[in-house]
Amino acid sequence: MSNLLTNMNTTALNSHSAMNTSGRYQAVAPSTRPSGMRLNTFYKSQSSLWVSKKNRYHTRSFDVATKNAIDGTEMVNTAEFGLQQVSNLLQRTRELIIFASNDTNNDKDRNKISKEILQLFEEIDNIVDIIVFKDKKLINGSFAQSKIHFQIGPYKNQFIQFNIGCFDVNGLGLNEVRKSVSTLSSMDGVSIINFLSSFDEAIDRIMGERIKLWSVQMRLRYSMKKLDISSENLSASCSRILNTSMASEMLNQTRTNILAQPITSILAQSNHQPLRVLQALGTFGNGLSYMASLRK
């Protein structure tokens, strides 16, 4: 009877060990399934949990950088819109200069044209003054010396810097033209047409600045795309580390519940085995007593 052991019931010990393993899983599983997190405590996997936390911090940094790029795009759009309006006014003023240079106009006609040109100059200065983004005037020369800084990445060297010049009448070099236009009625056509070179230079300068702002907009769009991809990949990596597979959890739970039933039965039978030894000893003792009574 090699299986009738009393001091060390190995069958019961094995069943008890299997039951402890199943019990530990059943104790942890309820905390992972409701939260959906595979690593919800630090003791499970310190390195994996640290990597996932670090990825989450980087993901949040990428999201902030994306917001910065979006705000920067809106700021550049505001400045570019203001330059477009100034360019339109200059183009209209240039057309009036061409019209005024024609000698079919008399002094009275040229006087009315000069008044319209002066009003257009006033409107240019007005537009330059009201092109504002979050209390910052953009095209009045505020950023002619100091650079605009856009932080478009989670690290200190990931930024865009640029200047925006002054585009009022004085900044465009048209202040002398404005003074001369007030006496347009006393000028001849040749003198008036000479103003075109000043307007052409001003329009070319505005176009050059708009091209620079368009390039900044393009860089911001590419930066936003890059940041979105980086944030998406980091989120996916973090998800693979932290999130639990509900299908796998349900499969493991079913398997554990099925195995728990025979383990419990085997443990009960294993604990009952020492009693068989006592029964055998009792039967053997009764046999000895009977034999002793026969000898008497």
C-alpha atoms as a PDB file:
ATOM      1  CA  MET A   1       0.000   0.000   0.000  1.00  0.00           C
ATOM      2  CA  SER A   2       2.465   2.619  -1.155  1.00  0.00           C
ATOM      3  CA  ASN A   3      -0.252   5.276  -1.454  1.00  0.00           C
ATOM      4  CA  LEU A   4      -1.361   5.005   2.159  1.00  0.00           C
ATOM      5  CA  LEU A   5       0.913   7.723   3.605  1.00  0.00           C
ATOM      6  CA  THR A   6       0.323   9.715   6.796  1.00  0.00           C
ATOM      7  CA  ASN A   7       3.358  11.931   7.457  1.00  0.00           C
ATOM      8  CA  MET A   8       3.490  13.460   3.946  1.00  0.00           C
ATOM      9  CA  ASN A   9       0.488  13.274   1.711  1.00  0.00           C
ATOM     10  CA  THR A  10       2.132  14.242  -1.606  1.00  0.00           C
ATOM     11  CA  THR A  11      -1.115  13.893  -3.554  1.00  0.00           C
ATOM     12  CA  ALA A  12      -2.826  16.419  -1.290  1.00  0.00           C
ATOM     13  CA  LEU A  13       0.188  18.757  -1.482  1.00  0.00           C
ATOM     14  CA  ASN A  14       0.136  18.706  -5.291  1.00  0.00           C
ATOM     15  CA  SER A  15      -3.585  19.373  -5.356  1.00  0.00           C
ATOM     16  CA  HIS A  16      -3.164  22.190  -2.855  1.00  0.00           C
ATOM     17  CA  SER A  17      -0.433  23.782  -5.004  1.00  0.00           C
ATOM     18  CA  ALA A  18      -2.622  23.622  -8.103  1.00  0.00           C
ATOM     19  CA  MET A  19      -5.499  25.141  -6.170  1.00  0.00           C
ATOM     20  CA  ASN A  20      -3.278  28.012  -4.957  1.00  0.00           C
ATOM     21  CA  THR A  21      -2.228  28.763  -8.546  1.00  0.00           C
ATOM     22  CA  SER A  22      -5.823  28.837  -9.676  1.00  0.00           C
ATOM     23  CA  GLY A  23      -6.800  30.940  -6.677  1.00  0.00           C
ATOM     24  CA  ARG A  24      -4.131  33.547  -7.369  1.00  0.00           C
ATOM     25  CA  TYR A  25      -5.369  33.992 -10.934  1.00  0.00           C
ATOM     26  CA  GLN A  26      -8.980  34.250  -9.772  1.00  0.00           C
ATOM     27  CA  ALA A  27      -7.933  36.901  -7.238  1.00  0.00           C
ATOM     28  CA  VAL A  28      -6.088  39.045  -9.824  1.00  0.00           C
ATOM     29  CA  ALA A  29      -8.488  38.617 -12.749  1.00  0.00           C
ATOM     30  CA  PRO A  30     -11.367  40.648 -11.222  1.00  0.00           C
ATOM     31  CA  SER A  31      -9.038  43.673 -10.973  1.00  0.00           C
ATOM     32  CA  THR A  32      -7.907  43.508 -14.609  1.00  0.00           C
ATOM     33  CA  ARG A  33     -11.183  42.820 -16.388  1.00  0.00           C
ATOM     34  CA  PRO A  34     -13.260  45.766 -15.090  1.00  0.00           C
ATOM     35  CA  SER A  35     -10.402  48.252 -15.628  1.00  0.00           C
ATOM     36  CA  GLY A  36      -9.281  46.732 -18.923  1.00  0.00           C
ATOM     37  CA  MET A  37      -5.684  47.150 -17.774  1.00  0.00           C
ATOM     38  CA  ARG A  38      -3.285  44.228 -17.846  1.00  0.00           C
ATOM     39  CA  LEU A  39      -0.698  46.085 -15.741  1.00  0.00           C
ATOM     40  CA  ASN A  40      -2.625  47.951 -13.081  1.00  0.00           C
ATOM     41  CA  THR A  41      -0.121  47.433 -10.254  1.00  0.00           C
ATOM     42  CA  PHE A  42       3.604  48.111 -10.174  1.00  0.00           C
ATOM     43  CA  TYR A  43       4.654  44.701  -8.860  1.00  0.00           C
ATOM     44  CA  LYS A  44       3.465  42.820 -11.954  1.00  0.00           C
ATOM     45  CA  SER A  45       6.095  44.112 -14.356  1.00  0.00           C
ATOM     46  CA  GLN A  46       8.087  47.135 -13.233  1.00  0.00           C
ATOM     47  CA  SER A  47       9.947  47.637 -16.522  1.00  0.00           C
ATOM     48  CA  SER A  48       6.852  47.296 -18.714  1.00  0.00           C
ATOM     49  CA  LEU A  49       4.847  49.618 -16.497  1.00  0.00           C
ATOM     50  CA  TRP A  50       7.640  52.216 -16.539  1.00  0.00           C
ATOM     51  CA  VAL A  51       7.900  52.059 -20.338  1.00  0.00           C
ATOM     52  CA  SER A  52       4.140  52.461 -20.694  1.00  0.00           C
ATOM     53  CA  LYS A  53       4.064  55.443 -18.326  1.00  0.00           C
ATOM     54  CA  LYS A  54       6.940  57.058 -20.204  1.00  0.00           C
ATOM     55  CA  ASN A  55       5.130  56.518 -23.509  1.00  0.00           C
ATOM     56  CA  ARG A  56       2.003  58.114 -22.092  1.00  0.00           C
ATOM     57  CA  TYR A  57       3.980  61.183 -20.985  1.00  0.00           C
ATOM     58  CA  HIS A  58       5.496  61.479 -24.462  1.00  0.00           C
ATOM     59  CA  THR A  59       2.066  61.065 -26.046  1.00  0.00           C
ATOM     60  CA  ARG A  60       0.714  63.955 -23.997  1.00  0.00           C
ATOM     61  CA  SER A  61       3.742  66.050 -24.995  1.00  0.00           C
ATOM     62  CA  PHE A  62       3.085  65.288 -28.669  1.00  0.00           C
ATOM     63  CA  ASP A  63      -0.556  66.330 -28.227  1.00  0.00           C
ATOM     64  CA  VAL A  64       0.496  69.666 -26.707  1.00  0.00           C
ATOM     65  CA  ALA A  65       2.978  70.218 -29.550  1.00  0.00           C
ATOM     66  CA  THR A  66       0.196  69.512 -32.053  1.00  0.00           C
ATOM     67  CA  LYS A  67      -1.971  72.151 -30.360  1.00  0.00           C
ATOM     68  CA  ASN A  68       0.949  74.583 -30.601  1.00  0.00           C
ATOM     69  CA  ALA A  69       1.238  73.889 -34.327  1.00  0.00           C
ATOM     70  CA  ILE A  70      -2.502  74.450 -34.795  1.00  0.00           C
ATOM     71  CA  ASP A  71      -2.355  77.762 -32.910  1.00  0.00           C
ATOM     72  CA  GLY A  72       0.719  78.748 -34.936  1.00  0.00           C
ATOM     73  CA  THR A  73      -1.121  78.010 -38.170  1.00  0.00           C
ATOM     74  CA  GLU A  74      -3.991  80.246 -37.114  1.00  0.00           C
ATOM     75  CA  MET A  75      -1.555  83.018 -36.212  1.00  0.00           C
ATOM     76  CA  VAL A  76       0.218  82.776 -39.563  1.00  0.00           C
ATOM     77  CA  ASN A  77      -3.126  82.731 -41.374  1.00  0.00           C
ATOM     78  CA  THR A  78      -4.099  85.940 -39.596  1.00  0.00           C
ATOM     79  CA  ALA A  79      -0.873  87.671 -40.628  1.00  0.00           C
ATOM     80  CA  GLU A  80      -1.138  86.401 -44.208  1.00  0.00           C
ATOM     81  CA  PHE A  81      -4.733  87.631 -44.458  1.00  0.00           C
ATOM     82  CA  GLY A  82      -3.645  91.098 -43.356  1.00  0.00           C
ATOM     83  CA  LEU A  83      -0.872  91.177 -45.962  1.00  0.00           C
ATOM     84  CA  GLN A  84      -3.344  90.089 -48.622  1.00  0.00           C
ATOM     85  CA  GLN A  85      -5.637  92.998 -47.773  1.00  0.00           C
ATOM     86  CA  VAL A  86      -2.739  95.462 -47.838  1.00  0.00           C
ATOM     87  CA  SER A  87      -1.654  94.066 -51.206  1.00  0.00           C
ATOM     88  CA  ASN A  88      -5.194  94.501 -52.579  1.00  0.00           C
ATOM     89  CA  LEU A  89      -5.270  98.132 -51.440  1.00  0.00           C
ATOM     90  CA  LEU A  90      -1.868  98.800 -52.977  1.00  0.00           C
ATOM     91  CA  GLN A  91      -3.001  97.246 -56.238  1.00  0.00           C
ATOM     92  CA  ARG A  92      -6.043  99.524 -56.254  1.00  0.00           C
ATOM     93  CA  THR A  93      -3.807 102.535 -55.500  1.00  0.00           C
ATOM     94  CA  ARG A  94      -1.488 101.574 -58.347  1.00  0.00           C
ATOM     95  CA  GLU A  95      -4.465 101.468 -60.724  1.00  0.00           C
ATOM     96  CA  LEU A  96      -5.478 104.967 -59.619  1.00  0.00           C
ATOM     97  CA  ILE A  97      -1.955 106.247 -60.286  1.00  0.00           C
ATOM     98  CA  ILE A  98      -2.115 104.840 -63.819  1.00  0.00           C
ATOM     99  CA  PHE A  99      -5.520 106.420 -64.301  1.00  0.00           C
ATOM    100  CA  ALA A 100      -4.394 109.806 -62.902  1.00  0.00           C
ATOM    101  CA  SER A 101      -1.327 109.899 -65.161  1.00  0.00           C
ATOM    102  CA  ASN A 102      -3.530 110.146 -68.241  1.00  0.00           C
ATOM    103  CA  ASP A 103      -3.721 113.767 -69.414  1.00  0.00           C
ATOM    104  CA  THR A 104      -7.387 113.379 -70.283  1.00  0.00           C
ATOM    105  CA  ASN A 105      -7.986 114.144 -66.605  1.00  0.00           C
ATOM    106  CA  ASN A 106      -8.124 117.770 -65.544  1.00  0.00           C
ATOM    107  CA  ASP A 107      -6.944 119.194 -62.242  1.00  0.00           C
ATOM    108  CA  LYS A 108     -10.315 118.620 -60.612  1.00  0.00           C
ATOM    109  CA  ASP A 109     -10.333 114.942 -61.613  1.00  0.00           C
ATOM    110  CA  ARG A 110      -6.806 114.419 -60.307  1.00  0.00           C
ATOM    111  CA  ASN A 111      -7.722 116.127 -57.053  1.00  0.00           C
ATOM    112  CA  LYS A 112     -10.547 113.618 -56.500  1.00  0.00           C
ATOM    113  CA  ILE A 113      -8.205 110.740 -57.375  1.00  0.00           C
ATOM    114  CA  SER A 114      -5.636 112.009 -54.874  1.00  0.00           C
ATOM    115  CA  LYS A 115      -8.287 112.057 -52.131  1.00  0.00           C
ATOM    116  CA  GLU A 116      -9.172 108.415 -52.843  1.00  0.00           C
ATOM    117  CA  ILE A 117      -5.492 107.443 -52.823  1.00  0.00           C
ATOM    118  CA  LEU A 118      -4.996 109.162 -49.457  1.00  0.00           C
ATOM    119  CA  GLN A 119      -8.014 107.275 -48.078  1.00  0.00           C
ATOM    120  CA  LEU A 120      -6.511 104.013 -49.277  1.00  0.00           C
ATOM    121  CA  PHE A 121      -3.254 104.876 -47.505  1.00  0.00           C
ATOM    122  CA  GLU A 122      -5.221 105.527 -44.310  1.00  0.00           C
ATOM    123  CA  GLU A 123      -6.960 102.162 -44.670  1.00  0.00           C
ATOM    124  CA  ILE A 124      -3.607 100.397 -45.089  1.00  0.00           C
ATOM    125  CA  ASP A 125      -2.415 101.857 -41.779  1.00  0.00           C
ATOM    126  CA  ASN A 126      -5.736 100.887 -40.187  1.00  0.00           C
ATOM    127  CA  ILE A 127      -5.493  97.267 -41.368  1.00  0.00           C
ATOM    128  CA  VAL A 128      -1.916  96.992 -40.131  1.00  0.00           C
ATOM    129  CA  ASP A 129      -3.070  98.223 -36.728  1.00  0.00           C
ATOM    130  CA  ILE A 130      -6.024  95.822 -36.349  1.00  0.00           C
ATOM    131  CA  ILE A 131      -4.350  92.601 -37.532  1.00  0.00           C
ATOM    132  CA  VAL A 132      -3.993  91.134 -34.048  1.00  0.00           C
ATOM    133  CA  PHE A 133      -3.689  87.587 -32.691  1.00  0.00           C
ATOM    134  CA  LYS A 134      -4.210  87.255 -28.936  1.00  0.00           C
ATOM    135  CA  ASP A 135      -3.323  90.923 -28.285  1.00  0.00           C
ATOM    136  CA  LYS A 136      -0.230  90.710 -30.505  1.00  0.00           C
ATOM    137  CA  LYS A 137      -0.033  92.982 -33.534  1.00  0.00           C
ATOM    138  CA  LEU A 138       1.519  90.970 -36.321  1.00  0.00           C
ATOM    139  CA  ILE A 139       2.369  93.206 -39.294  1.00  0.00           C
ATOM    140  CA  ASN A 140       3.108  96.565 -37.674  1.00  0.00           C
ATOM    141  CA  GLY A 141       6.797  95.802 -37.088  1.00  0.00           C
ATOM    142  CA  SER A 142       6.462  94.266 -33.598  1.00  0.00           C
ATOM    143  CA  PHE A 143       8.245  91.141 -34.857  1.00  0.00           C
ATOM    144  CA  ALA A 144      10.670  92.854 -37.209  1.00  0.00           C
ATOM    145  CA  GLN A 145      13.534  92.453 -34.716  1.00  0.00           C
ATOM    146  CA  SER A 146      12.273  89.804 -32.271  1.00  0.00           C
ATOM    147  CA  LYS A 147      11.386  86.439 -33.783  1.00  0.00           C
ATOM    148  CA  ILE A 148       8.115  84.557 -33.516  1.00  0.00           C
ATOM    149  CA  HIS A 149       8.772  81.192 -31.846  1.00  0.00           C
ATOM    150  CA  PHE A 150       6.581  78.135 -32.471  1.00  0.00           C
ATOM    151  CA  GLN A 151       7.389  75.106 -30.271  1.00  0.00           C
ATOM    152  CA  ILE A 152       6.221  72.259 -32.518  1.00  0.00           C
ATOM    153  CA  GLY A 153       7.836  69.286 -30.767  1.00  0.00           C
ATOM    154  CA  PRO A 154       8.341  67.764 -27.310  1.00  0.00           C
ATOM    155  CA  TYR A 155      12.056  68.617 -27.327  1.00  0.00           C
ATOM    156  CA  LYS A 156      13.754  72.010 -27.054  1.00  0.00           C
ATOM    157  CA  ASN A 157      15.333  71.975 -30.529  1.00  0.00           C
ATOM    158  CA  GLN A 158      12.036  71.292 -32.346  1.00  0.00           C
ATOM    159  CA  PHE A 159      10.769  74.771 -33.168  1.00  0.00           C
ATOM    160  CA  ILE A 160      10.157  77.259 -35.988  1.00  0.00           C
ATOM    161  CA  GLN A 161      11.310  80.879 -35.764  1.00  0.00           C
ATOM    162  CA  PHE A 162      10.733  83.728 -38.217  1.00  0.00           C
ATOM    163  CA  ASN A 163      10.230  87.476 -38.458  1.00  0.00           C
ATOM    164  CA  ILE A 164       7.412  89.585 -39.865  1.00  0.00           C
ATOM    165  CA  GLY A 165       8.270  93.089 -41.026  1.00  0.00           C
ATOM    166  CA  CYS A 166       6.395  96.372 -40.869  1.00  0.00           C
ATOM    167  CA  PHE A 167       3.840  96.878 -43.639  1.00  0.00           C
ATOM    168  CA  ASP A 168       2.201 100.196 -42.955  1.00  0.00           C
ATOM    169  CA  VAL A 169       2.635 103.043 -45.432  1.00  0.00           C
ATOM    170  CA  ASN A 170       5.845 104.202 -43.792  1.00  0.00           C
ATOM    171  CA  GLY A 171       7.234 100.662 -43.508  1.00  0.00           C
ATOM    172  CA  LEU A 172       6.547 100.051 -47.203  1.00  0.00           C
ATOM    173  CA  GLY A 173       8.528 103.138 -48.167  1.00  0.00           C
ATOM    174  CA  LEU A 174       5.471 105.016 -49.454  1.00  0.00           C
ATOM    175  CA  ASN A 175       5.479 107.897 -46.999  1.00  0.00           C
ATOM    176  CA  GLU A 176       7.044 110.290 -49.523  1.00  0.00           C
ATOM    177  CA  VAL A 177       4.557 109.138 -52.140  1.00  0.00           C
ATOM    178  CA  ARG A 178       1.703 109.946 -49.753  1.00  0.00           C
ATOM    179  CA  LYS A 179       3.033 113.487 -49.281  1.00  0.00           C
ATOM    180  CA  SER A 180       3.375 113.958 -53.041  1.00  0.00           C
ATOM    181  CA  VAL A 181      -0.091 112.582 -53.844  1.00  0.00           C
ATOM    182  CA  SER A 182      -1.703 115.449 -51.950  1.00  0.00           C
ATOM    183  CA  THR A 183      -0.436 117.760 -54.757  1.00  0.00           C
ATOM    184  CA  LEU A 184      -1.441 115.403 -57.555  1.00  0.00           C
ATOM    185  CA  SER A 185      -3.605 118.032 -59.244  1.00  0.00           C
ATOM    186  CA  SER A 186      -0.574 120.220 -59.954  1.00  0.00           C
ATOM    187  CA  MET A 187       1.539 117.394 -61.452  1.00  0.00           C
ATOM    188  CA  ASP A 188       1.778 116.240 -65.044  1.00  0.00           C
ATOM    189  CA  GLY A 189       1.273 112.677 -66.287  1.00  0.00           C
ATOM    190  CA  VAL A 190       4.984 111.847 -66.543  1.00  0.00           C
ATOM    191  CA  SER A 191       5.615 112.853 -62.932  1.00  0.00           C
ATOM    192  CA  ILE A 192       2.627 110.857 -61.717  1.00  0.00           C
ATOM    193  CA  ILE A 193       3.546 107.647 -63.549  1.00  0.00           C
ATOM    194  CA  ASN A 194       6.968 107.683 -61.900  1.00  0.00           C
ATOM    195  CA  PHE A 195       5.224 106.680 -58.644  1.00  0.00           C
ATOM    196  CA  LEU A 196       4.617 103.204 -60.080  1.00  0.00           C
ATOM    197  CA  SER A 197       8.117 101.997 -59.231  1.00  0.00           C
ATOM    198  CA  SER A 198       7.504 102.675 -55.512  1.00  0.00           C
ATOM    199  CA  PHE A 199       4.219 100.749 -55.589  1.00  0.00           C
ATOM    200  CA  ASP A 200       5.808  97.858 -57.475  1.00  0.00           C
ATOM    201  CA  GLU A 201       8.568  97.583 -54.869  1.00  0.00           C
ATOM    202  CA  ALA A 202       6.014  97.634 -52.057  1.00  0.00           C
ATOM    203  CA  ILE A 203       3.841  94.972 -53.718  1.00  0.00           C
ATOM    204  CA  ASP A 204       6.890  92.783 -54.383  1.00  0.00           C
ATOM    205  CA  ARG A 205       7.930  93.082 -50.756  1.00  0.00           C
ATOM    206  CA  ILE A 206       4.496  92.017 -49.573  1.00  0.00           C
ATOM    207  CA  MET A 207       4.510  89.087 -51.967  1.00  0.00           C
ATOM    208  CA  GLY A 208       7.899  87.981 -50.667  1.00  0.00           C
ATOM    209  CA  GLU A 209       6.611  88.096 -47.097  1.00  0.00           C
ATOM    210  CA  ARG A 210       3.495  86.127 -48.031  1.00  0.00           C
ATOM    211  CA  ILE A 211       5.646  83.468 -49.698  1.00  0.00           C
ATOM    212  CA  LYS A 212       7.643  83.166 -46.465  1.00  0.00           C
ATOM    213  CA  LEU A 213       4.439  82.777 -44.448  1.00  0.00           C
ATOM    214  CA  TRP A 214       3.172  80.152 -46.909  1.00  0.00           C
ATOM    215  CA  SER A 215       6.365  78.161 -46.349  1.00  0.00           C
ATOM    216  CA  VAL A 216       5.847  78.423 -42.572  1.00  0.00           C
ATOM    217  CA  GLN A 217       2.286  77.158 -43.006  1.00  0.00           C
ATOM    218  CA  MET A 218       3.568  74.205 -45.019  1.00  0.00           C
ATOM    219  CA  ARG A 219       6.118  73.351 -42.321  1.00  0.00           C
ATOM    220  CA  LEU A 220       3.414  73.540 -39.669  1.00  0.00           C
ATOM    221  CA  ARG A 221       1.138  71.199 -41.632  1.00  0.00           C
ATOM    222  CA  TYR A 222       3.927  68.651 -42.039  1.00  0.00           C
ATOM    223  CA  SER A 223       4.778  69.018 -38.357  1.00  0.00           C
ATOM    224  CA  MET A 224       1.172  68.326 -37.342  1.00  0.00           C
ATOM    225  CA  LYS A 225       1.100  65.233 -39.530  1.00  0.00           C
ATOM    226  CA  LYS A 226       4.364  64.001 -38.053  1.00  0.00           C
ATOM    227  CA  LEU A 227       3.182  64.668 -34.494  1.00  0.00           C
ATOM    228  CA  ASP A 228      -0.123  62.863 -35.095  1.00  0.00           C
ATOM    229  CA  ILE A 229       1.685  59.790 -36.437  1.00  0.00           C
ATOM    230  CA  SER A 230       4.138  59.775 -33.524  1.00  0.00           C
ATOM    231  CA  SER A 231       1.346  60.148 -30.982  1.00  0.00           C
ATOM    232  CA  GLU A 232      -0.669  57.376 -32.638  1.00  0.00           C
ATOM    233  CA  ASN A 233       2.284  54.966 -32.642  1.00  0.00           C
ATOM    234  CA  LEU A 234       3.141  55.700 -29.011  1.00  0.00           C
ATOM    235  CA  SER A 235      -0.490  55.205 -27.991  1.00  0.00           C
ATOM    236  CA  ALA A 236      -0.573  51.864 -29.799  1.00  0.00           C
ATOM    237  CA  SER A 237       2.646  50.780 -28.081  1.00  0.00           C
ATOM    238  CA  CYS A 238       1.287  51.815 -24.699  1.00  0.00           C
ATOM    239  CA  SER A 239      -1.960  49.970 -25.403  1.00  0.00           C
ATOM    240  CA  ARG A 240      -0.136  46.741 -26.205  1.00  0.00           C
ATOM    241  CA  ILE A 241       1.681  46.943 -22.870  1.00  0.00           C
ATOM    242  CA  LEU A 242      -1.141  48.076 -20.594  1.00  0.00           C
ATOM    243  CA  ASN A 243      -4.444  46.908 -22.021  1.00  0.00           C
ATOM    244  CA  THR A 244      -5.701  43.404 -21.478  1.00  0.00           C
ATOM    245  CA  SER A 245      -7.259  41.167 -24.112  1.00  0.00           C
ATOM    246  CA  MET A 246     -10.795  40.492 -22.936  1.00  0.00           C
ATOM    247  CA  ALA A 247     -11.078  37.426 -25.171  1.00  0.00           C
ATOM    248  CA  SER A 248      -7.924  35.958 -23.636  1.00  0.00           C
ATOM    249  CA  GLU A 249      -9.109  36.822 -20.123  1.00  0.00           C
ATOM    250  CA  MET A 250     -12.465  35.124 -20.649  1.00  0.00           C
ATOM    251  CA  LEU A 251     -10.738  32.056 -22.089  1.00  0.00           C
ATOM    252  CA  ASN A 252      -8.383  31.833 -19.099  1.00  0.00           C
ATOM    253  CA  GLN A 253     -11.265  32.341 -16.689  1.00  0.00           C
ATOM    254  CA  THR A 254     -13.258  29.506 -18.249  1.00  0.00           C
ATOM    255  CA  ARG A 255     -10.244  27.193 -18.190  1.00  0.00           C
ATOM    256  CA  THR A 256      -9.526  28.050 -14.534  1.00  0.00           C
ATOM    257  CA  ASN A 257     -13.131  27.445 -13.474  1.00  0.00           C
ATOM    258  CA  ILE A 258     -13.163  24.075 -15.218  1.00  0.00           C
ATOM    259  CA  LEU A 259      -9.882  22.981 -13.639  1.00  0.00           C
ATOM    260  CA  ALA A 260     -10.901  24.181 -10.161  1.00  0.00           C
ATOM    261  CA  GLN A 261     -13.659  21.595  -9.862  1.00  0.00           C
ATOM    262  CA  PRO A 262     -11.550  18.402 -10.337  1.00  0.00           C
ATOM    263  CA  ILE A 263      -8.738  19.927  -8.251  1.00  0.00           C
ATOM    264  CA  THR A 264     -11.142  20.382  -5.348  1.00  0.00           C
ATOM    265  CA  SER A 265     -12.392  16.827  -5.736  1.00  0.00           C
ATOM    266  CA  ILE A 266      -8.861  15.418  -5.904  1.00  0.00           C
ATOM    267  CA  LEU A 267      -7.820  17.392  -2.812  1.00  0.00           C
ATOM    268  CA  ALA A 268     -10.809  16.036  -0.867  1.00  0.00           C
ATOM    269  CA  GLN A 269      -9.952  12.487  -1.889  1.00  0.00           C
ATOM    270  CA  SER A 270      -6.270  13.009  -1.048  1.00  0.00           C
ATOM    271  CA  ASN A 271      -7.130  14.257   2.435  1.00  0.00           C
ATOM    272  CA  HIS A 272      -9.327  11.207   2.901  1.00  0.00           C
ATOM    273  CA  GLN A 273      -6.471   8.772   2.171  1.00  0.00           C
ATOM    274  CA  PRO A 274      -4.920   8.906   5.717  1.00  0.00           C
ATOM    275  CA  LEU A 275      -8.287   7.807   7.087  1.00  0.00           C
ATOM    276  CA  ARG A 276      -7.890   4.586   5.090  1.00  0.00           C
ATOM    277  CA  VAL A 277      -4.713   3.913   7.064  1.00  0.00           C
ATOM    278  CA  LEU A 278      -6.634   4.292  10.311  1.00  0.00           C
ATOM    279  CA  GLN A 279      -9.321   1.950   9.015  1.00  0.00           C
ATOM    280  CA  ALA A 280      -6.693  -0.593   8.046  1.00  0.00           C
ATOM    281  CA  LEU A 281      -5.042  -0.295  11.480  1.00  0.00           C
ATOM    282  CA  GLY A 282      -8.411  -0.705  13.144  1.00  0.00           C
ATOM    283  CA  THR A 283      -9.191  -3.824  11.133  1.00  0.00           C
ATOM    284  CA  PHE A 284      -5.727  -5.230  11.865  1.00  0.00           C
ATOM    285  CA  GLY A 285      -6.180  -4.563  15.615  1.00  0.00           C
ATOM    286  CA  ASN A 286      -9.536  -6.280  15.646  1.00  0.00           C
ATOM    287  CA  GLY A 287      -7.963  -9.319  13.947  1.00  0.00           C
ATOM    288  CA  LEU A 288      -5.246  -9.505  16.602  1.00  0.00           C
ATOM    289  CA  SER A 289      -7.812  -9.312  19.382  1.00  0.00           C
ATOM    290  CA  TYR A 290      -9.820 -12.110  17.799  1.00  0.00           C
ATOM    291  CA  MET A 291      -6.776 -14.337  17.454  1.00  0.00           C
ATOM    292  CA  ALA A 292      -5.827 -13.678  21.048  1.00  0.00           C
ATOM    293  CA  SER A 293      -9.287 -14.688  22.223  1.00  0.00           C
ATOM    294  CA  LEU A 294      -9.066 -17.946  20.306  1.00  0.00           C
ATOM    295  CA  ARG A 295      -5.760 -18.827  22.004  1.00  0.00           C
ATOM    296  CA  LYS A 296      -7.393 -18.463  25.356  1.00  0.00           C
END
